């Protein structure tokens, strides 16, 4: 995985707003949401390849983007 800072975090997106977020548990057990990226995408899916690289799908254009 190229983005090692995201290891162990749950990644999710907002279809309409185009934001990509991470969710991670803090040392106190609370959950913290972090905005990673604002895009113009209609985010419909995420995927990982065999190397653990993360991809996002833009429903609006049908394009698959690799997050780097």
PDB file of N, CA and C in Angstrom:
ATOM      1  N   UNK A   1       0.845  -1.178   0.000  1.00  0.00           N
ATOM      2  CA  UNK A   1       0.000   0.000   0.000  1.00  0.00           C
ATOM      3  C   UNK A   1       0.887   1.235   0.000  1.00  0.00           C
ATOM      4  N   UNK A   2       0.684   2.095  -0.965  1.00  0.00           N
ATOM      5  CA  UNK A   2       1.490   3.315  -1.088  1.00  0.00           C
ATOM      6  C   UNK A   2       1.140   4.332  -0.012  1.00  0.00           C
ATOM      7  N   UNK A   3      -0.117   4.397   0.374  1.00  0.00           N
ATOM      8  CA  UNK A   3      -0.541   5.371   1.384  1.00  0.00           C
ATOM      9  C   UNK A   3      -0.554   4.657   2.738  1.00  0.00           C
ATOM     10  N   UNK A   4       0.608   4.509   3.317  1.00  0.00           N
ATOM     11  CA  UNK A   4       0.730   3.736   4.551  1.00  0.00           C
ATOM     12  C   UNK A   4      -0.014   4.383   5.713  1.00  0.00           C
ATOM     13  N   UNK A   5      -0.241   5.684   5.669  1.00  0.00           N
ATOM     14  CA  UNK A   5      -0.964   6.371   6.746  1.00  0.00           C
ATOM     15  C   UNK A   5      -2.414   5.900   6.846  1.00  0.00           C
ATOM     16  N   UNK A   6      -2.936   5.283   5.798  1.00  0.00           N
ATOM     17  CA  UNK A   6      -4.327   4.819   5.805  1.00  0.00           C
ATOM     18  C   UNK A   6      -4.466   3.373   6.266  1.00  0.00           C
ATOM     19  N   UNK A   7      -3.360   2.720   6.530  1.00  0.00           N
ATOM     20  CA  UNK A   7      -3.415   1.313   6.942  1.00  0.00           C
ATOM     21  C   UNK A   7      -4.237   1.179   8.225  1.00  0.00           C
ATOM     22  N   UNK A   8      -5.190   0.253   8.210  1.00  0.00           N
ATOM     23  CA  UNK A   8      -6.030   0.004   9.368  1.00  0.00           C
ATOM     24  C   UNK A   8      -7.212   0.943   9.505  1.00  0.00           C
ATOM     25  N   UNK A   9      -7.402   1.840   8.546  1.00  0.00           N
ATOM     26  CA  UNK A   9      -8.529   2.773   8.606  1.00  0.00           C
ATOM     27  C   UNK A   9      -9.627   2.328   7.641  1.00  0.00           C
ATOM     28  N   UNK A  10     -10.855   2.651   7.990  1.00  0.00           N
ATOM     29  CA  UNK A  10     -12.004   2.393   7.122  1.00  0.00           C
ATOM     30  C   UNK A  10     -12.164   3.608   6.219  1.00  0.00           C
ATOM     31  N   UNK A  11     -12.209   3.395   4.908  1.00  0.00           N
ATOM     32  CA  UNK A  11     -12.322   4.488   3.946  1.00  0.00           C
ATOM     33  C   UNK A  11     -13.726   4.449   3.345  1.00  0.00           C
ATOM     34  N   UNK A  12     -14.365   5.619   3.272  1.00  0.00           N
ATOM     35  CA  UNK A  12     -15.711   5.690   2.700  1.00  0.00           C
ATOM     36  C   UNK A  12     -15.903   7.031   2.005  1.00  0.00           C
ATOM     37  N   UNK A  13     -16.939   7.120   1.181  1.00  0.00           N
ATOM     38  CA  UNK A  13     -17.172   8.332   0.406  1.00  0.00           C
ATOM     39  C   UNK A  13     -18.618   8.748   0.386  1.00  0.00           C
ATOM     40  N   UNK A  14     -18.822  10.002   0.021  1.00  0.00           N
ATOM     41  CA  UNK A  14     -20.146  10.602  -0.099  1.00  0.00           C
ATOM     42  C   UNK A  14     -20.487  10.701  -1.588  1.00  0.00           C
ATOM     43  N   UNK A  15     -21.519   9.980  -2.007  1.00  0.00           N
ATOM     44  CA  UNK A  15     -21.898   9.928  -3.417  1.00  0.00           C
ATOM     45  C   UNK A  15     -22.186  11.316  -3.984  1.00  0.00           C
ATOM     46  N   UNK A  16     -22.987  12.107  -3.315  1.00  0.00           N
ATOM     47  CA  UNK A  16     -23.384  13.421  -3.829  1.00  0.00           C
ATOM     48  C   UNK A  16     -22.305  14.473  -3.597  1.00  0.00           C
ATOM     49  N   UNK A  17     -21.732  14.514  -2.393  1.00  0.00           N
ATOM     50  CA  UNK A  17     -20.756  15.546  -2.055  1.00  0.00           C
ATOM     51  C   UNK A  17     -19.366  15.313  -2.616  1.00  0.00           C
ATOM     52  N   UNK A  18     -19.036  14.049  -2.930  1.00  0.00           N
ATOM     53  CA  UNK A  18     -17.738  13.741  -3.506  1.00  0.00           C
ATOM     54  C   UNK A  18     -16.585  13.706  -2.514  1.00  0.00           C
ATOM     55  N   UNK A  19     -16.874  13.736  -1.229  1.00  0.00           N
ATOM     56  CA  UNK A  19     -15.795  13.694  -0.243  1.00  0.00           C
ATOM     57  C   UNK A  19     -15.396  12.243   0.049  1.00  0.00           C
ATOM     58  N   UNK A  20     -14.106  12.077   0.328  1.00  0.00           N
ATOM     59  CA  UNK A  20     -13.575  10.784   0.752  1.00  0.00           C
ATOM     60  C   UNK A  20     -13.108  10.949   2.194  1.00  0.00           C
ATOM     61  N   UNK A  21     -13.563  10.054   3.052  1.00  0.00           N
ATOM     62  CA  UNK A  21     -13.308  10.127   4.486  1.00  0.00           C
ATOM     63  C   UNK A  21     -12.597   8.872   4.962  1.00  0.00           C
ATOM     64  N   UNK A  22     -11.932   8.991   6.111  1.00  0.00           N
ATOM     65  CA  UNK A  22     -11.415   7.813   6.805  1.00  0.00           C
ATOM     66  C   UNK A  22     -12.028   7.780   8.196  1.00  0.00           C
ATOM     67  N   UNK A  23     -12.114   6.591   8.732  1.00  0.00           N
ATOM     68  CA  UNK A  23     -12.623   6.400  10.087  1.00  0.00           C
ATOM     69  C   UNK A  23     -11.617   5.534  10.829  1.00  0.00           C
ATOM     70  N   UNK A  24     -11.193   6.016  11.994  1.00  0.00           N
ATOM     71  CA  UNK A  24     -10.243   5.242  12.780  1.00  0.00           C
ATOM     72  C   UNK A  24     -10.569   5.353  14.258  1.00  0.00           C
ATOM     73  N   UNK A  25     -10.231   4.304  14.967  1.00  0.00           N
ATOM     74  CA  UNK A  25     -10.472   4.280  16.401  1.00  0.00           C
ATOM     75  C   UNK A  25      -9.260   4.867  17.120  1.00  0.00           C
ATOM     76  N   UNK A  26      -9.521   5.770  18.063  1.00  0.00           N
ATOM     77  CA  UNK A  26      -8.446   6.396  18.822  1.00  0.00           C
ATOM     78  C   UNK A  26      -8.020   5.490  19.975  1.00  0.00           C
ATOM     79  N   UNK A  27      -6.976   5.876  20.651  1.00  0.00           N
ATOM     80  CA  UNK A  27      -6.471   5.080  21.774  1.00  0.00           C
ATOM     81  C   UNK A  27      -7.461   5.012  22.936  1.00  0.00           C
ATOM     82  N   UNK A  28      -8.409   5.969  22.995  1.00  0.00           N
ATOM     83  CA  UNK A  28      -9.421   5.960  24.054  1.00  0.00           C
ATOM     84  C   UNK A  28     -10.646   5.133  23.678  1.00  0.00           C
ATOM     85  N   UNK A  29     -10.669   4.612  22.439  1.00  0.00           N
ATOM     86  CA  UNK A  29     -11.795   3.807  21.982  1.00  0.00           C
ATOM     87  C   UNK A  29     -12.840   4.591  21.217  1.00  0.00           C
ATOM     88  N   UNK A  30     -12.686   5.912  21.156  1.00  0.00           N
ATOM     89  CA  UNK A  30     -13.619   6.743  20.389  1.00  0.00           C
ATOM     90  C   UNK A  30     -13.305   6.601  18.896  1.00  0.00           C
ATOM     91  N   UNK A  31     -14.296   6.934  18.078  1.00  0.00           N
ATOM     92  CA  UNK A  31     -14.102   6.890  16.628  1.00  0.00           C
ATOM     93  C   UNK A  31     -13.915   8.298  16.108  1.00  0.00           C
ATOM     94  N   UNK A  32     -12.940   8.450  15.216  1.00  0.00           N
ATOM     95  CA  UNK A  32     -12.623   9.766  14.650  1.00  0.00           C
ATOM     96  C   UNK A  32     -12.756   9.710  13.138  1.00  0.00           C
ATOM     97  N   UNK A  33     -13.521  10.644  12.589  1.00  0.00           N
ATOM     98  CA  UNK A  33     -13.701  10.752  11.137  1.00  0.00           C
ATOM     99  C   UNK A  33     -12.799  11.866  10.626  1.00  0.00           C
ATOM    100  N   UNK A  34     -12.073  11.597   9.533  1.00  0.00           N
ATOM    101  CA  UNK A  34     -11.162  12.566   8.947  1.00  0.00           C
ATOM    102  C   UNK A  34     -11.461  12.746   7.469  1.00  0.00           C
ATOM    103  N   UNK A  35     -11.604  13.989   7.029  1.00  0.00           N
ATOM    104  CA  UNK A  35     -11.780  14.269   5.612  1.00  0.00           C
ATOM    105  C   UNK A  35     -10.435  14.117   4.926  1.00  0.00           C
ATOM    106  N   UNK A  36     -10.364  13.233   3.930  1.00  0.00           N
ATOM    107  CA  UNK A  36      -9.119  12.999   3.209  1.00  0.00           C
ATOM    108  C   UNK A  36      -9.030  13.811   1.933  1.00  0.00           C
ATOM    109  N   UNK A  37     -10.163  13.926   1.222  1.00  0.00           N
ATOM    110  CA  UNK A  37     -10.127  14.523  -0.106  1.00  0.00           C
ATOM    111  C   UNK A  37     -11.520  14.961  -0.517  1.00  0.00           C
ATOM    112  N   UNK A  38     -11.599  16.127  -1.137  1.00  0.00           N
ATOM    113  CA  UNK A  38     -12.850  16.583  -1.756  1.00  0.00           C
ATOM    114  C   UNK A  38     -12.679  16.458  -3.262  1.00  0.00           C
ATOM    115  N   UNK A  39     -13.605  15.753  -3.885  1.00  0.00           N
ATOM    116  CA  UNK A  39     -13.530  15.524  -5.329  1.00  0.00           C
ATOM    117  C   UNK A  39     -14.825  16.021  -5.968  1.00  0.00           C
ATOM    118  N   UNK A  40     -14.876  16.008  -7.250  1.00  0.00           N
ATOM    119  CA  UNK A  40     -16.113  16.287  -7.968  1.00  0.00           C
ATOM    120  C   UNK A  40     -16.800  15.008  -8.400  1.00  0.00           C
ATOM    121  N   UNK A  41     -16.378  13.880  -7.825  1.00  0.00           N
ATOM    122  CA  UNK A  41     -16.862  12.568  -8.242  1.00  0.00           C
ATOM    123  C   UNK A  41     -18.217  12.245  -7.615  1.00  0.00           C
ATOM    124  N   UNK A  42     -18.974  11.421  -8.318  1.00  0.00           N
ATOM    125  CA  UNK A  42     -20.134  10.732  -7.748  1.00  0.00           C
ATOM    126  C   UNK A  42     -19.604   9.375  -7.309  1.00  0.00           C
ATOM    127  N   UNK A  43     -19.126   9.293  -6.075  1.00  0.00           N
ATOM    128  CA  UNK A  43     -18.413   8.111  -5.596  1.00  0.00           C
ATOM    129  C   UNK A  43     -19.389   6.955  -5.421  1.00  0.00           C
ATOM    130  N   UNK A  44     -19.146   5.886  -6.190  1.00  0.00           N
ATOM    131  CA  UNK A  44     -20.056   4.733  -6.121  1.00  0.00           C
ATOM    132  C   UNK A  44     -19.398   3.491  -5.549  1.00  0.00           C
ATOM    133  N   UNK A  45     -18.076   3.430  -5.544  1.00  0.00           N
ATOM    134  CA  UNK A  45     -17.414   2.224  -5.041  1.00  0.00           C
ATOM    135  C   UNK A  45     -15.941   2.499  -4.770  1.00  0.00           C
ATOM    136  N   UNK A  46     -15.373   1.650  -3.923  1.00  0.00           N
ATOM    137  CA  UNK A  46     -13.940   1.607  -3.689  1.00  0.00           C
ATOM    138  C   UNK A  46     -13.479   0.187  -3.967  1.00  0.00           C
ATOM    139  N   UNK A  47     -12.216   0.026  -4.273  1.00  0.00           N
ATOM    140  CA  UNK A  47     -11.658  -1.296  -4.483  1.00  0.00           C
ATOM    141  C   UNK A  47     -10.183  -1.308  -4.143  1.00  0.00           C
ATOM    142  N   UNK A  48      -9.659  -2.515  -3.992  1.00  0.00           N
ATOM    143  CA  UNK A  48      -8.228  -2.706  -3.742  1.00  0.00           C
ATOM    144  C   UNK A  48      -7.693  -3.734  -4.717  1.00  0.00           C
ATOM    145  N   UNK A  49      -6.452  -3.534  -5.150  1.00  0.00           N
ATOM    146  CA  UNK A  49      -5.831  -4.535  -6.011  1.00  0.00           C
ATOM    147  C   UNK A  49      -5.004  -5.504  -5.164  1.00  0.00           C
ATOM    148  N   UNK A  50      -4.316  -6.430  -5.817  1.00  0.00           N
ATOM    149  CA  UNK A  50      -3.538  -7.443  -5.106  1.00  0.00           C
ATOM    150  C   UNK A  50      -2.399  -6.851  -4.282  1.00  0.00           C
ATOM    151  N   UNK A  51      -1.957  -5.646  -4.637  1.00  0.00           N
ATOM    152  CA  UNK A  51      -0.882  -4.980  -3.892  1.00  0.00           C
ATOM    153  C   UNK A  51      -1.417  -4.135  -2.749  1.00  0.00           C
ATOM    154  N   UNK A  52      -2.746  -4.081  -2.606  1.00  0.00           N
ATOM    155  CA  UNK A  52      -3.353  -3.295  -1.538  1.00  0.00           C
ATOM    156  C   UNK A  52      -3.590  -1.839  -1.907  1.00  0.00           C
ATOM    157  N   UNK A  53      -3.353  -1.486  -3.177  1.00  0.00           N
ATOM    158  CA  UNK A  53      -3.597  -0.106  -3.609  1.00  0.00           C
ATOM    159  C   UNK A  53      -5.098   0.161  -3.643  1.00  0.00           C
ATOM    160  N   UNK A  54      -5.477   1.391  -3.339  1.00  0.00           N
ATOM    161  CA  UNK A  54      -6.884   1.769  -3.206  1.00  0.00           C
ATOM    162  C   UNK A  54      -7.362   2.518  -4.440  1.00  0.00           C
ATOM    163  N   UNK A  55      -8.568   2.182  -4.903  1.00  0.00           N
ATOM    164  CA  UNK A  55      -9.172   2.805  -6.078  1.00  0.00           C
ATOM    165  C   UNK A  55     -10.563   3.316  -5.713  1.00  0.00           C
ATOM    166  N   UNK A  56     -10.999   4.359  -6.423  1.00  0.00           N
ATOM    167  CA  UNK A  56     -12.341   4.908  -6.247  1.00  0.00           C
ATOM    168  C   UNK A  56     -12.997   4.995  -7.632  1.00  0.00           C
ATOM    169  N   UNK A  57     -14.294   4.720  -7.676  1.00  0.00           N
ATOM    170  CA  UNK A  57     -15.047   4.739  -8.927  1.00  0.00           C
ATOM    171  C   UNK A  57     -15.941   5.969  -8.961  1.00  0.00           C
ATOM    172  N   UNK A  58     -15.838   6.724 -10.069  1.00  0.00           N
ATOM    173  CA  UNK A  58     -16.710   7.880 -10.304  1.00  0.00           C
ATOM    174  C   UNK A  58     -17.869   7.418 -11.178  1.00  0.00           C
ATOM    175  N   UNK A  59     -19.036   7.316 -10.581  1.00  0.00           N
ATOM    176  CA  UNK A  59     -20.233   6.867 -11.295  1.00  0.00           C
ATOM    177  C   UNK A  59     -20.579   7.811 -12.448  1.00  0.00           C
ATOM    178  N   UNK A  60     -20.307   9.094 -12.270  1.00  0.00           N
ATOM    179  CA  UNK A  60     -20.655  10.098 -13.281  1.00  0.00           C
ATOM    180  C   UNK A  60     -19.959   9.887 -14.607  1.00  0.00           C
ATOM    181  N   UNK A  61     -18.696   9.472 -14.565  1.00  0.00           N
ATOM    182  CA  UNK A  61     -17.931   9.281 -15.803  1.00  0.00           C
ATOM    183  C   UNK A  61     -17.592   7.823 -16.074  1.00  0.00           C
ATOM    184  N   UNK A  62     -17.761   6.967 -15.062  1.00  0.00           N
ATOM    185  CA  UNK A  62     -17.386   5.565 -15.205  1.00  0.00           C
ATOM    186  C   UNK A  62     -15.889   5.347 -15.072  1.00  0.00           C
ATOM    187  N   UNK A  63     -15.169   6.356 -14.609  1.00  0.00           N
ATOM    188  CA  UNK A  63     -13.717   6.285 -14.491  1.00  0.00           C
ATOM    189  C   UNK A  63     -13.311   5.708 -13.137  1.00  0.00           C
ATOM    190  N   UNK A  64     -12.253   4.907 -13.157  1.00  0.00           N
ATOM    191  CA  UNK A  64     -11.668   4.355 -11.935  1.00  0.00           C
ATOM    192  C   UNK A  64     -10.357   5.096 -11.696  1.00  0.00           C
ATOM    193  N   UNK A  65     -10.217   5.649 -10.481  1.00  0.00           N
ATOM    194  CA  UNK A  65      -9.034   6.412 -10.119  1.00  0.00           C
ATOM    195  C   UNK A  65      -8.256   5.693  -9.028  1.00  0.00           C
ATOM    196  N   UNK A  66      -6.944   5.673  -9.170  1.00  0.00           N
ATOM    197  CA  UNK A  66      -6.071   5.129  -8.129  1.00  0.00           C
ATOM    198  C   UNK A  66      -5.711   6.259  -7.177  1.00  0.00           C
ATOM    199  N   UNK A  67      -5.885   6.024  -5.888  1.00  0.00           N
ATOM    200  CA  UNK A  67      -5.520   7.035  -4.885  1.00  0.00           C
ATOM    201  C   UNK A  67      -4.037   6.912  -4.591  1.00  0.00           C
ATOM    202  N   UNK A  68      -3.311   8.009  -4.752  1.00  0.00           N
ATOM    203  CA  UNK A  68      -1.865   7.999  -4.497  1.00  0.00           C
ATOM    204  C   UNK A  68      -1.471   9.100  -3.544  1.00  0.00           C
TER     205      UNK A  68
END
